[in-house]
Each structure stands twice: as C-alpha cells, then as structure tokens.
Amino acid sequence: MTPSTVHEGRVKAVATKRLETMEKAFKQFPERFSRGIKVQLPATEVGSISLRAVYLQSSTYGQKVD
C-alpha cells in the first residue's frame, strides 16, 4: 500500500479490490497460486521489536475450481 492510500483511509477498499482481482486470476490459473491468495495489509501497531504482517485471505483458496 502506498502512504497516501493509508493516510486517506482507502486501505480496505484497495485491499478488497486486490483480493477480487487475485481471486479472478486464481479461477483462471490455479496452478500459479501454490501458496494461496493473500493480500498484505499494513500493520495496525508498531512494536519495539518487530511488525506483524496482517493478511486478507481469499475464501476460495483450497476449493475446487470448475
């Protein structure tokens, strides 16, 4: 995500659109997604030691594709 996306509060909309795009690609080419579909979201907190990544995962990953 770009800093302006985060600053302007568009993270959820952009992440949702990315996930929709990835799901569409997964339906067409499931062999390209051996690790699943994830869209990384920015960290909600900054810790003194490390940042934990937050992911938005697809509900279609692992399901049989027609």
C-alpha atoms as a PDB file:
ATOM      1  CA  MET A   1       0.000   0.000   0.000  1.00  0.00           C
ATOM      2  CA  THR A   2       1.177   3.482  -0.705  1.00  0.00           C
ATOM      3  CA  PRO A   3       1.408   6.016   2.126  1.00  0.00           C
ATOM      4  CA  SER A   4      -1.358   8.088   0.538  1.00  0.00           C
ATOM      5  CA  THR A   5      -3.676   5.055   0.443  1.00  0.00           C
ATOM      6  CA  VAL A   6      -3.165   4.542   4.172  1.00  0.00           C
ATOM      7  CA  HIS A   7      -3.350   8.247   5.026  1.00  0.00           C
ATOM      8  CA  GLU A   8      -6.570   8.759   3.066  1.00  0.00           C
ATOM      9  CA  GLY A   9      -8.213   5.696   4.643  1.00  0.00           C
ATOM     10  CA  ARG A  10      -8.605   3.701   1.419  1.00  0.00           C
ATOM     11  CA  VAL A  11      -6.791   0.569   2.639  1.00  0.00           C
ATOM     12  CA  LYS A  12      -9.882  -1.609   2.956  1.00  0.00           C
ATOM     13  CA  ALA A  13     -11.221  -0.646  -0.491  1.00  0.00           C
ATOM     14  CA  VAL A  14      -7.860  -1.182  -2.208  1.00  0.00           C
ATOM     15  CA  ALA A  15      -7.242  -4.494  -0.401  1.00  0.00           C
ATOM     16  CA  THR A  16     -10.720  -5.733  -1.309  1.00  0.00           C
ATOM     17  CA  LYS A  17     -10.198  -4.841  -4.974  1.00  0.00           C
ATOM     18  CA  ARG A  18      -6.788  -6.566  -4.983  1.00  0.00           C
ATOM     19  CA  LEU A  19      -8.325  -9.680  -3.439  1.00  0.00           C
ATOM     20  CA  GLU A  20     -11.104  -9.725  -6.041  1.00  0.00           C
ATOM     21  CA  THR A  21      -8.513  -9.466  -8.798  1.00  0.00           C
ATOM     22  CA  MET A  22      -6.416 -12.250  -7.283  1.00  0.00           C
ATOM     23  CA  GLU A  23      -9.487 -14.497  -6.929  1.00  0.00           C
ATOM     24  CA  LYS A  24     -10.337 -13.935 -10.591  1.00  0.00           C
ATOM     25  CA  ALA A  25      -6.776 -14.859 -11.573  1.00  0.00           C
ATOM     26  CA  PHE A  26      -6.911 -17.919  -9.276  1.00  0.00           C
ATOM     27  CA  LYS A  27     -10.022 -19.175 -11.062  1.00  0.00           C
ATOM     28  CA  GLN A  28      -8.256 -18.895 -14.414  1.00  0.00           C
ATOM     29  CA  PHE A  29      -4.805 -20.154 -13.364  1.00  0.00           C
ATOM     30  CA  PRO A  30      -4.986 -22.068 -10.039  1.00  0.00           C
ATOM     31  CA  GLU A  31      -1.599 -23.707 -10.668  1.00  0.00           C
ATOM     32  CA  ARG A  32       0.077 -20.294 -10.233  1.00  0.00           C
ATOM     33  CA  PHE A  33      -1.144 -19.959  -6.647  1.00  0.00           C
ATOM     34  CA  SER A  34       0.533 -22.814  -4.819  1.00  0.00           C
ATOM     35  CA  ARG A  35       0.880 -20.694  -1.663  1.00  0.00           C
ATOM     36  CA  GLY A  36      -2.672 -19.416  -1.658  1.00  0.00           C
ATOM     37  CA  ILE A  37      -4.080 -15.977  -2.149  1.00  0.00           C
ATOM     38  CA  LYS A  38      -3.090 -13.270   0.310  1.00  0.00           C
ATOM     39  CA  VAL A  39      -3.242  -9.503   0.226  1.00  0.00           C
ATOM     40  CA  GLN A  40      -0.948  -7.955   2.817  1.00  0.00           C
ATOM     41  CA  LEU A  41      -2.399  -5.142   4.875  1.00  0.00           C
ATOM     42  CA  PRO A  42      -0.327  -2.511   6.671  1.00  0.00           C
ATOM     43  CA  ALA A  43       0.485  -3.134  10.318  1.00  0.00           C
ATOM     44  CA  THR A  44      -2.014  -1.683  12.761  1.00  0.00           C
ATOM     45  CA  GLU A  45       0.580  -1.283  15.516  1.00  0.00           C
ATOM     46  CA  VAL A  46       4.281  -0.640  15.588  1.00  0.00           C
ATOM     47  CA  GLY A  47       6.088  -2.668  18.225  1.00  0.00           C
ATOM     48  CA  SER A  48       9.531  -2.012  19.618  1.00  0.00           C
ATOM     49  CA  ILE A  49      10.872  -5.324  18.304  1.00  0.00           C
ATOM     50  CA  SER A  50       9.008  -6.234  15.124  1.00  0.00           C
ATOM     51  CA  LEU A  51       5.988  -5.647  12.936  1.00  0.00           C
ATOM     52  CA  ARG A  52       3.498  -8.410  12.350  1.00  0.00           C
ATOM     53  CA  ALA A  53       2.066  -8.694   8.875  1.00  0.00           C
ATOM     54  CA  VAL A  54      -1.698  -8.843   8.555  1.00  0.00           C
ATOM     55  CA  TYR A  55      -3.203 -10.654   5.587  1.00  0.00           C
ATOM     56  CA  LEU A  56      -6.580 -10.673   3.930  1.00  0.00           C
ATOM     57  CA  GLN A  57      -7.048 -14.219   2.654  1.00  0.00           C
ATOM     58  CA  SER A  58      -9.290 -15.464  -0.073  1.00  0.00           C
ATOM     59  CA  SER A  59     -12.252 -17.638   0.790  1.00  0.00           C
ATOM     60  CA  THR A  60     -11.848 -19.548  -2.474  1.00  0.00           C
ATOM     61  CA  TYR A  61      -8.317 -20.842  -1.862  1.00  0.00           C
ATOM     62  CA  GLY A  62      -8.266 -24.580  -1.497  1.00  0.00           C
ATOM     63  CA  GLN A  63     -11.699 -25.026  -3.021  1.00  0.00           C
ATOM     64  CA  LYS A  64     -12.144 -26.962  -6.228  1.00  0.00           C
ATOM     65  CA  VAL A  65     -12.322 -24.690  -9.254  1.00  0.00           C
ATOM     66  CA  ASP A  66     -14.634 -25.646 -12.107  1.00  0.00           C
END
